[in-house]
Amino acid sequence: MDRRIFLSGAIALCAAPALSRESVRLRDLYNKDLSFTDYALANEGLEVEISGFMAPPLKAESDFFVLTTRPMAICPFCDSEADWPNDILAVYAGDIVTIVPFNVSIIVRGKLELGTYRDAQFGFVSRVRLRNASYYRV
């Protein structure tokens, strides 16, 4: 086999997952009755990309933030899963979060987790979240 053909095939295989990955919106995670969509269930435990806006953080120098569907000047902190809105997502980054202005669109990539979880540090209750997340401005 010609080395150039082999290398071009290997590069194509490595690039294919990155090229096929598309960013989804928070509304793609919930049905109208707040149950999880087929997309959310099929991608649980997998790395996904979700677009939105970074809400102001609950605490400075944290590895946590909330992703919202629209810019919010204050963080939508929830008391229970019954109050959990379908337009926010808890995001846990691997490192301290560098704040992005609340009105700048971002893409967040991380491992999708479903189910009720109460954050021990903040008391924040989430139904869906991303773990080991990274993010960038759009």
C-alpha atoms as a PDB file:
ATOM      1  CA  MET A   1       0.000   0.000   0.000  1.00  0.00           C
ATOM      2  CA  ASP A   2       1.251   3.449  -0.885  1.00  0.00           C
ATOM      3  CA  ARG A   3       2.200   5.453   2.219  1.00  0.00           C
ATOM      4  CA  ARG A   4       0.383   8.591   0.986  1.00  0.00           C
ATOM      5  CA  ILE A   5      -2.850   6.674   0.464  1.00  0.00           C
ATOM      6  CA  PHE A   6      -2.548   5.113   3.913  1.00  0.00           C
ATOM      7  CA  LEU A   7      -1.854   8.467   5.580  1.00  0.00           C
ATOM      8  CA  SER A   8      -4.704  10.232   3.788  1.00  0.00           C
ATOM      9  CA  GLY A   9      -7.080   7.456   4.868  1.00  0.00           C
ATOM     10  CA  ALA A  10      -5.864   7.618   8.470  1.00  0.00           C
ATOM     11  CA  ILE A  11      -6.264  11.391   8.534  1.00  0.00           C
ATOM     12  CA  ALA A  12      -9.772  11.104   7.118  1.00  0.00           C
ATOM     13  CA  LEU A  13     -10.741   8.572   9.786  1.00  0.00           C
ATOM     14  CA  CYS A  14      -9.392  10.767  12.583  1.00  0.00           C
ATOM     15  CA  ALA A  15     -11.052  13.903  11.243  1.00  0.00           C
ATOM     16  CA  ALA A  16     -14.457  12.325  10.562  1.00  0.00           C
ATOM     17  CA  PRO A  17     -15.778  12.420  14.149  1.00  0.00           C
ATOM     18  CA  ALA A  18     -14.715  16.039  14.573  1.00  0.00           C
ATOM     19  CA  LEU A  19     -16.270  17.052  11.280  1.00  0.00           C
ATOM     20  CA  SER A  20     -19.540  15.222  11.974  1.00  0.00           C
ATOM     21  CA  ARG A  21     -19.948  16.685  15.486  1.00  0.00           C
ATOM     22  CA  GLU A  22     -22.559  19.408  15.484  1.00  0.00           C
ATOM     23  CA  SER A  23     -23.547  21.797  18.187  1.00  0.00           C
ATOM     24  CA  VAL A  24     -27.089  21.382  19.495  1.00  0.00           C
ATOM     25  CA  ARG A  25     -29.250  23.742  21.506  1.00  0.00           C
ATOM     26  CA  LEU A  26     -30.579  23.228  25.011  1.00  0.00           C
ATOM     27  CA  ARG A  27     -34.080  22.713  23.601  1.00  0.00           C
ATOM     28  CA  ASP A  28     -32.761  19.536  21.936  1.00  0.00           C
ATOM     29  CA  LEU A  29     -32.395  17.936  25.389  1.00  0.00           C
ATOM     30  CA  TYR A  30     -35.990  18.220  26.655  1.00  0.00           C
ATOM     31  CA  ASN A  31     -39.460  17.378  25.410  1.00  0.00           C
ATOM     32  CA  LYS A  32     -42.332  19.766  26.192  1.00  0.00           C
ATOM     33  CA  ASP A  33     -43.215  17.687  29.296  1.00  0.00           C
ATOM     34  CA  LEU A  34     -39.583  18.128  30.547  1.00  0.00           C
ATOM     35  CA  SER A  35     -38.743  14.488  29.871  1.00  0.00           C
ATOM     36  CA  PHE A  36     -35.464  13.912  28.041  1.00  0.00           C
ATOM     37  CA  THR A  37     -35.507  13.784  24.253  1.00  0.00           C
ATOM     38  CA  ASP A  38     -34.371  10.798  22.227  1.00  0.00           C
ATOM     39  CA  TYR A  39     -31.221  12.806  21.414  1.00  0.00           C
ATOM     40  CA  ALA A  40     -30.405  13.294  25.112  1.00  0.00           C
ATOM     41  CA  LEU A  41     -31.043   9.639  25.950  1.00  0.00           C
ATOM     42  CA  ALA A  42     -29.007   8.392  22.974  1.00  0.00           C
ATOM     43  CA  ASN A  43     -26.053  10.653  23.877  1.00  0.00           C
ATOM     44  CA  GLU A  44     -25.986  10.151  27.650  1.00  0.00           C
ATOM     45  CA  GLY A  45     -22.409   9.458  28.698  1.00  0.00           C
ATOM     46  CA  LEU A  46     -21.033  10.710  25.381  1.00  0.00           C
ATOM     47  CA  GLU A  47     -19.272  13.942  24.499  1.00  0.00           C
ATOM     48  CA  VAL A  48     -21.644  16.511  22.977  1.00  0.00           C
ATOM     49  CA  GLU A  49     -21.485  20.174  21.947  1.00  0.00           C
ATOM     50  CA  ILE A  50     -24.177  22.582  23.093  1.00  0.00           C
ATOM     51  CA  SER A  51     -24.493  26.262  22.235  1.00  0.00           C
ATOM     52  CA  GLY A  52     -25.710  28.993  24.555  1.00  0.00           C
ATOM     53  CA  PHE A  53     -24.583  31.751  26.908  1.00  0.00           C
ATOM     54  CA  MET A  54     -22.581  31.670  30.146  1.00  0.00           C
ATOM     55  CA  ALA A  55     -24.634  32.980  33.064  1.00  0.00           C
ATOM     56  CA  PRO A  56     -22.703  35.002  35.654  1.00  0.00           C
ATOM     57  CA  PRO A  57     -20.985  32.543  38.002  1.00  0.00           C
ATOM     58  CA  LEU A  58     -22.251  31.671  41.468  1.00  0.00           C
ATOM     59  CA  LYS A  59     -18.723  32.014  42.846  1.00  0.00           C
ATOM     60  CA  ALA A  60     -15.465  33.488  41.596  1.00  0.00           C
ATOM     61  CA  GLU A  61     -12.680  31.074  40.655  1.00  0.00           C
ATOM     62  CA  SER A  62     -14.956  28.088  40.228  1.00  0.00           C
ATOM     63  CA  ASP A  63     -14.947  25.146  37.822  1.00  0.00           C
ATOM     64  CA  PHE A  64     -18.736  25.429  37.459  1.00  0.00           C
ATOM     65  CA  PHE A  65     -21.086  27.640  35.461  1.00  0.00           C
ATOM     66  CA  VAL A  66     -24.590  27.609  34.043  1.00  0.00           C
ATOM     67  CA  LEU A  67     -25.252  27.610  30.296  1.00  0.00           C
ATOM     68  CA  THR A  68     -28.472  29.385  29.256  1.00  0.00           C
ATOM     69  CA  THR A  69     -30.400  29.663  25.991  1.00  0.00           C
ATOM     70  CA  ARG A  70     -30.410  33.445  26.116  1.00  0.00           C
ATOM     71  CA  PRO A  71     -28.196  36.036  27.783  1.00  0.00           C
ATOM     72  CA  MET A  72     -28.950  36.461  31.507  1.00  0.00           C
ATOM     73  CA  ALA A  73     -27.425  39.132  33.712  1.00  0.00           C
ATOM     74  CA  ILE A  74     -28.040  37.025  36.852  1.00  0.00           C
ATOM     75  CA  CYS A  75     -27.579  33.300  37.417  1.00  0.00           C
ATOM     76  CA  PRO A  76     -30.779  31.187  37.408  1.00  0.00           C
ATOM     77  CA  PHE A  77     -30.159  29.286  40.655  1.00  0.00           C
ATOM     78  CA  CYS A  78     -32.722  26.524  41.243  1.00  0.00           C
ATOM     79  CA  ASP A  79     -34.004  25.104  44.540  1.00  0.00           C
ATOM     80  CA  SER A  80     -35.240  21.718  43.396  1.00  0.00           C
ATOM     81  CA  GLU A  81     -35.531  19.546  40.336  1.00  0.00           C
ATOM     82  CA  ALA A  82     -39.263  20.372  40.219  1.00  0.00           C
ATOM     83  CA  ASP A  83     -38.269  23.987  39.511  1.00  0.00           C
ATOM     84  CA  TRP A  84     -35.595  23.032  36.981  1.00  0.00           C
ATOM     85  CA  PRO A  85     -36.190  25.032  33.791  1.00  0.00           C
ATOM     86  CA  ASN A  86     -35.582  23.436  30.422  1.00  0.00           C
ATOM     87  CA  ASP A  87     -33.398  26.265  29.196  1.00  0.00           C
ATOM     88  CA  ILE A  88     -30.323  25.969  31.437  1.00  0.00           C
ATOM     89  CA  LEU A  89     -27.545  23.417  31.787  1.00  0.00           C
ATOM     90  CA  ALA A  90     -25.027  22.884  34.585  1.00  0.00           C
ATOM     91  CA  VAL A  91     -21.465  22.819  33.257  1.00  0.00           C
ATOM     92  CA  TYR A  92     -18.479  21.397  35.163  1.00  0.00           C
ATOM     93  CA  ALA A  93     -15.138  22.263  33.583  1.00  0.00           C
ATOM     94  CA  GLY A  94     -11.899  20.511  34.423  1.00  0.00           C
ATOM     95  CA  ASP A  95     -10.242  23.819  35.368  1.00  0.00           C
ATOM     96  CA  ILE A  96     -11.165  27.185  36.829  1.00  0.00           C
ATOM     97  CA  VAL A  97     -13.612  28.896  34.469  1.00  0.00           C
ATOM     98  CA  THR A  98     -12.525  32.037  32.654  1.00  0.00           C
ATOM     99  CA  ILE A  99     -15.621  34.207  32.625  1.00  0.00           C
ATOM    100  CA  VAL A 100     -17.154  35.031  29.252  1.00  0.00           C
ATOM    101  CA  PRO A 101     -19.481  38.071  29.169  1.00  0.00           C
ATOM    102  CA  PHE A 102     -23.104  36.964  29.617  1.00  0.00           C
ATOM    103  CA  ASN A 103     -24.122  38.265  26.167  1.00  0.00           C
ATOM    104  CA  VAL A 104     -21.421  36.420  24.160  1.00  0.00           C
ATOM    105  CA  SER A 105     -22.465  33.155  22.502  1.00  0.00           C
ATOM    106  CA  ILE A 106     -20.359  30.096  23.367  1.00  0.00           C
ATOM    107  CA  ILE A 107     -20.120  26.419  22.451  1.00  0.00           C
ATOM    108  CA  VAL A 108     -19.589  23.987  25.320  1.00  0.00           C
ATOM    109  CA  ARG A 109     -18.231  20.461  24.784  1.00  0.00           C
ATOM    110  CA  GLY A 110     -18.416  17.816  27.496  1.00  0.00           C
ATOM    111  CA  LYS A 111     -19.754  14.466  28.678  1.00  0.00           C
ATOM    112  CA  LEU A 112     -23.553  14.533  28.912  1.00  0.00           C
ATOM    113  CA  GLU A 113     -25.035  13.384  32.249  1.00  0.00           C
ATOM    114  CA  LEU A 114     -28.756  12.976  32.887  1.00  0.00           C
ATOM    115  CA  GLY A 115     -30.655  12.599  36.164  1.00  0.00           C
ATOM    116  CA  THR A 116     -31.030  14.585  39.342  1.00  0.00           C
ATOM    117  CA  TYR A 117     -27.815  15.706  41.011  1.00  0.00           C
ATOM    118  CA  ARG A 118     -27.242  18.175  43.879  1.00  0.00           C
ATOM    119  CA  ASP A 119     -23.865  19.884  43.822  1.00  0.00           C
ATOM    120  CA  ALA A 120     -22.246  19.501  47.262  1.00  0.00           C
ATOM    121  CA  GLN A 121     -20.389  22.824  47.038  1.00  0.00           C
ATOM    122  CA  PHE A 122     -23.183  25.083  45.746  1.00  0.00           C
ATOM    123  CA  GLY A 123     -26.362  23.144  46.538  1.00  0.00           C
ATOM    124  CA  PHE A 124     -27.279  23.626  42.883  1.00  0.00           C
ATOM    125  CA  VAL A 125     -29.770  20.985  41.725  1.00  0.00           C
ATOM    126  CA  SER A 126     -29.542  19.894  38.098  1.00  0.00           C
ATOM    127  CA  ARG A 127     -31.342  17.404  35.907  1.00  0.00           C
ATOM    128  CA  VAL A 128     -28.799  17.564  33.097  1.00  0.00           C
ATOM    129  CA  ARG A 129     -25.153  18.636  33.008  1.00  0.00           C
ATOM    130  CA  LEU A 130     -21.882  18.431  31.144  1.00  0.00           C
ATOM    131  CA  ARG A 131     -18.749  17.070  32.865  1.00  0.00           C
ATOM    132  CA  ASN A 132     -15.096  17.654  31.967  1.00  0.00           C
ATOM    133  CA  ALA A 133     -16.300  20.483  29.767  1.00  0.00           C
ATOM    134  CA  SER A 134     -14.414  22.924  27.627  1.00  0.00           C
ATOM    135  CA  TYR A 135     -15.876  25.956  25.907  1.00  0.00           C
ATOM    136  CA  TYR A 136     -15.088  28.617  23.346  1.00  0.00           C
ATOM    137  CA  ARG A 137     -16.624  31.806  21.984  1.00  0.00           C
ATOM    138  CA  VAL A 138     -18.574  31.574  18.762  1.00  0.00           C
END
